[in-house]
N, C-alpha and C. Protein backbone atom coordinates (compact mmCIF):
# COMPACT_ATOMS: atom_id res chain seq x y z
N MET A 1 -213.97 39.51 51.87
CA MET A 1 -214.12 38.73 50.53
C MET A 1 -214.23 37.24 50.65
N ASP A 2 -215.00 36.56 49.71
CA ASP A 2 -215.11 35.45 49.52
C ASP A 2 -214.53 34.81 48.46
N ILE A 3 -214.49 33.48 48.30
CA ILE A 3 -213.55 32.61 47.36
C ILE A 3 -213.70 33.07 46.03
N ALA A 4 -214.86 33.25 45.67
CA ALA A 4 -215.37 33.51 44.41
C ALA A 4 -214.82 34.83 43.93
N GLU A 5 -214.97 35.79 44.75
CA GLU A 5 -214.38 37.23 44.43
C GLU A 5 -212.98 37.28 44.08
N ILE A 6 -212.01 36.43 45.15
CA ILE A 6 -210.86 36.25 45.16
C ILE A 6 -210.37 35.58 43.80
N SER A 7 -210.97 34.52 43.25
CA SER A 7 -210.61 33.63 41.98
C SER A 7 -210.96 34.70 41.01
N MET A 8 -212.09 35.45 40.71
CA MET A 8 -212.20 36.43 39.58
C MET A 8 -211.36 37.41 39.82
N SER A 9 -210.86 38.01 40.71
CA SER A 9 -209.64 38.91 40.96
C SER A 9 -208.27 38.64 40.46
N LEU A 10 -208.04 37.31 40.95
CA LEU A 10 -206.70 36.56 40.28
C LEU A 10 -206.71 36.36 38.79
N SER A 11 -207.83 35.65 38.28
CA SER A 11 -208.18 35.74 36.84
C SER A 11 -208.23 36.86 36.05
N GLN A 12 -208.69 37.95 36.73
CA GLN A 12 -208.81 39.15 35.81
C GLN A 12 -207.25 39.69 35.65
N ASN A 13 -206.55 39.52 36.90
CA ASN A 13 -204.79 40.12 37.03
C ASN A 13 -204.19 39.23 35.89
N GLN A 14 -204.22 37.92 35.85
CA GLN A 14 -203.68 37.00 34.95
C GLN A 14 -204.00 37.67 33.65
N LEU A 15 -205.33 37.78 32.97
CA LEU A 15 -205.58 38.30 31.74
C LEU A 15 -204.91 39.51 31.38
N MET A 16 -205.06 40.72 32.61
CA MET A 16 -204.26 41.63 32.34
C MET A 16 -202.85 41.90 31.98
N SER A 17 -202.14 41.13 32.92
CA SER A 17 -200.59 40.73 32.60
C SER A 17 -200.52 39.99 31.15
N ALA A 18 -201.27 38.90 30.59
CA ALA A 18 -201.17 38.41 29.45
C ALA A 18 -201.22 39.61 28.49
N VAL A 19 -202.32 40.40 28.45
CA VAL A 19 -202.64 41.28 27.53
C VAL A 19 -201.41 42.41 27.48
N GLY A 20 -200.80 42.85 28.60
CA GLY A 20 -199.88 43.73 28.53
C GLY A 20 -198.39 43.10 28.17
N THR A 21 -198.24 41.75 28.25
CA THR A 21 -197.25 41.16 27.64
C THR A 21 -197.41 41.30 26.23
N ALA A 22 -198.42 40.78 25.59
CA ALA A 22 -198.66 40.70 24.57
C ALA A 22 -198.47 41.94 23.57
N MET A 23 -198.85 43.30 24.38
CA MET A 23 -198.68 44.30 23.81
C MET A 23 -197.22 44.80 23.61
N LEU A 24 -196.61 44.50 24.83
CA LEU A 24 -195.34 44.72 24.75
C LEU A 24 -194.42 44.24 23.82
N GLY A 25 -194.95 42.93 23.50
CA GLY A 25 -194.12 42.08 22.33
C GLY A 25 -194.39 42.59 21.05
N LYS A 26 -195.74 43.28 20.82
CA LYS A 26 -196.03 43.82 19.44
C LYS A 26 -195.10 45.31 19.45
N THR A 27 -195.08 45.98 20.46
CA THR A 27 -194.49 47.12 20.64
C THR A 27 -192.95 46.87 20.03
N LEU A 28 -192.26 46.06 20.94
CA LEU A 28 -191.16 45.79 20.54
C LEU A 28 -190.78 45.32 19.15
N ASP A 29 -191.66 44.64 18.56
CA ASP A 29 -191.60 44.05 17.12
C ASP A 29 -191.64 45.26 16.31
N LEU A 30 -192.51 46.26 16.56
CA LEU A 30 -192.75 47.71 15.83
C LEU A 30 -191.25 48.49 15.75
N VAL A 31 -190.75 48.61 17.23
CA VAL A 31 -189.69 49.36 17.35
C VAL A 31 -188.77 48.74 16.51
N GLU A 32 -188.36 47.52 16.36
CA GLU A 32 -187.27 46.74 15.80
C GLU A 32 -187.43 47.19 14.44
N GLY A 33 -188.56 47.00 13.74
CA GLY A 33 -188.80 47.22 12.35
C GLY A 33 -188.74 48.72 12.16
N GLN A 34 -189.09 49.51 12.76
CA GLN A 34 -188.64 50.97 12.38
C GLN A 34 -187.28 51.49 12.52
N GLY A 35 -186.58 50.55 13.45
CA GLY A 35 -184.68 50.77 13.96
C GLY A 35 -184.30 50.45 12.62
N GLN A 36 -184.68 49.25 11.68
CA GLN A 36 -184.00 48.73 10.90
C GLN A 36 -184.47 49.63 9.42
N ALA A 37 -185.67 50.23 9.30
CA ALA A 37 -186.03 51.21 8.45
C ALA A 37 -184.97 52.13 8.33
N LEU A 38 -184.78 52.91 9.62
CA LEU A 38 -183.92 53.95 10.11
C LEU A 38 -182.78 53.76 9.55
N ALA A 39 -182.12 52.43 9.82
CA ALA A 39 -180.81 51.96 9.43
C ALA A 39 -180.71 51.89 7.87
N GLU A 40 -181.65 51.37 7.44
CA GLU A 40 -181.62 51.29 5.79
C GLU A 40 -181.52 52.48 5.18
N SER A 41 -182.42 53.71 5.53
CA SER A 41 -182.46 54.75 5.06
C SER A 41 -180.98 55.62 5.17
N MET A 42 -180.47 55.24 6.39
CA MET A 42 -179.38 56.00 6.55
C MET A 42 -178.09 55.64 5.51
N ASN A 43 -178.30 54.44 5.09
CA ASN A 43 -177.32 53.83 3.95
C ASN A 43 -177.49 54.10 2.66
N THR A 44 -178.72 54.59 2.48
CA THR A 44 -178.99 55.13 0.76
C THR A 44 -178.46 56.51 0.68
N PRO A 45 -178.10 56.90 -0.25
CA PRO A 45 -177.51 58.24 -0.95
C PRO A 45 -178.77 59.20 -0.96
N SER A 46 -178.47 60.16 -0.39
CA SER A 46 -179.32 61.73 -0.50
C SER A 46 -179.57 62.14 -1.83
N LEU A 47 -180.30 62.59 -2.22
CA LEU A 47 -180.55 63.28 -3.53
C LEU A 47 -179.44 64.58 -3.68
N GLU A 48 -179.23 65.11 -2.53
CA GLU A 48 -177.89 66.08 -2.69
C GLU A 48 -176.72 65.44 -2.94
N SER A 49 -176.47 64.28 -2.33
CA SER A 49 -175.19 63.71 -2.81
C SER A 49 -175.08 63.03 -4.08
N LEU A 50 -176.06 62.80 -4.53
CA LEU A 50 -176.26 62.58 -6.07
C LEU A 50 -175.98 63.58 -6.97
N VAL A 51 -176.46 64.80 -6.64
CA VAL A 51 -176.09 66.02 -7.43
C VAL A 51 -174.64 66.69 -7.30
N TYR A 52 -174.32 66.56 -6.01
CA TYR A 52 -172.82 66.93 -5.56
C TYR A 52 -172.03 65.89 -4.79
N PRO A 53 -171.54 64.96 -5.58
CA PRO A 53 -171.06 63.73 -5.10
C PRO A 53 -170.00 63.97 -4.15
N THR A 54 -168.98 65.04 -4.22
CA THR A 54 -168.16 65.48 -3.07
C THR A 54 -168.52 66.33 -2.19
N SER A 55 -169.58 66.71 -1.96
CA SER A 55 -170.08 67.18 -0.79
C SER A 55 -170.01 66.27 0.27
N GLY A 56 -169.62 67.11 1.25
CA GLY A 56 -169.44 65.99 2.81
C GLY A 56 -168.38 65.13 2.84
N THR A 57 -167.66 64.99 1.91
CA THR A 57 -166.56 63.85 2.17
C THR A 57 -165.17 64.28 2.26
N MET A 58 -165.09 65.91 2.56
CA MET A 58 -163.84 65.97 2.95
C MET A 58 -164.32 67.19 4.27
N ILE A 59 -163.27 67.20 5.30
CA ILE A 59 -163.37 67.92 6.31
C ILE A 59 -162.06 68.86 6.43
N ASP A 60 -162.27 70.31 6.66
CA ASP A 60 -161.28 71.36 6.67
C ASP A 60 -161.05 71.67 7.94
N VAL A 61 -159.96 71.30 8.54
CA VAL A 61 -159.45 71.64 9.69
C VAL A 61 -158.47 72.73 9.89
N ARG A 62 -158.78 73.60 10.62
CA ARG A 62 -157.83 75.09 10.82
C ARG A 62 -157.57 75.19 12.41
N VAL A 63 -156.11 75.65 12.52
CA VAL A 63 -156.13 75.88 13.93
C VAL A 63 -155.85 77.02 14.34
């Protein structure tokens, strides 16, 4: 290998690393947004709980 090939190879590796890091950052942002949306959707009352407000509020324990 000559110096030019080594230089191009290192440059391509740095570029691929930078692209991978940027894609990982975007993916993490997307997953964080989805997690927040899921948490918000769990806090809103379901349609069934609006119709039957006492449904699921008590647990019967029998031994």
